[in-house]
Amino acid sequence: MDCITREGCKLVMNEVYEGEIEGFLNRAKIFFDQMPDPKLQTPLSEHSPLKK
């Protein structure tokens, strides 16, 4: 929430903000574009008990 509301926004109450919707959407897109691909998996160590 802080990443998306960091500029051009005013707090109304709790997690309710007012501001330019395009700004919210652009910042949200930039934030989520930085997340890793959820389909990628970290390889398991040969010593991992999770290895089958």
Protein backbone atom coordinates (compact mmCIF):
# COMPACT_ATOMS: atom_id res chain seq x y z
CA MET A 1 0.00 0.00 0.00
CA ASP A 2 2.79 2.43 0.90
CA CYS A 3 4.45 1.92 -2.47
CA ILE A 4 1.27 2.75 -4.38
CA THR A 5 0.24 5.71 -2.22
CA ARG A 6 3.68 7.27 -1.74
CA GLU A 7 3.02 10.39 -3.84
CA GLY A 8 0.06 12.45 -4.99
CA CYS A 9 -2.28 10.86 -2.43
CA LYS A 10 -4.08 11.93 0.72
CA LEU A 11 -5.08 9.60 3.51
CA VAL A 12 -8.82 9.57 4.17
CA MET A 13 -8.80 6.96 6.95
CA ASN A 14 -7.29 3.54 7.66
CA GLU A 15 -6.22 2.28 4.20
CA VAL A 16 -8.52 4.60 2.24
CA TYR A 17 -6.76 7.16 0.06
CA GLU A 18 -7.79 9.78 -2.45
CA GLY A 19 -5.68 10.72 -5.42
CA GLU A 20 -5.33 10.38 -9.15
CA ILE A 21 -6.40 6.85 -10.17
CA GLU A 22 -3.90 6.70 -13.04
CA GLY A 23 -1.11 7.40 -10.55
CA PHE A 24 -2.29 4.55 -8.31
CA LEU A 25 -2.45 2.19 -11.26
CA ASN A 26 0.94 3.18 -12.70
CA ARG A 27 2.71 2.77 -9.36
CA ALA A 28 0.97 -0.57 -8.75
CA LYS A 29 2.05 -1.83 -12.18
CA ILE A 30 5.66 -0.77 -11.59
CA PHE A 31 5.61 -2.45 -8.16
CA PHE A 32 4.13 -5.75 -9.36
CA ASP A 33 6.29 -5.85 -12.50
CA GLN A 34 9.30 -6.16 -10.18
CA MET A 35 7.98 -9.32 -8.56
CA PRO A 36 9.56 -12.60 -9.70
CA ASP A 37 7.66 -14.93 -12.00
CA PRO A 38 5.43 -17.06 -9.71
CA LYS A 39 6.04 -20.08 -11.99
CA LEU A 40 9.75 -20.08 -11.17
CA GLN A 41 10.83 -22.30 -8.32
CA THR A 42 14.00 -22.11 -6.27
CA PRO A 43 15.95 -25.33 -6.75
CA LEU A 44 16.15 -27.56 -3.70
CA SER A 45 19.46 -28.47 -2.13
CA GLU A 46 20.45 -32.10 -2.34
CA HIS A 47 20.26 -32.03 1.48
CA SER A 48 16.73 -30.68 1.63
CA PRO A 49 14.15 -32.87 3.39
CA LEU A 50 11.65 -31.51 0.87
CA LYS A 51 13.41 -33.28 -1.99
CA LYS A 52 11.50 -36.31 -3.18
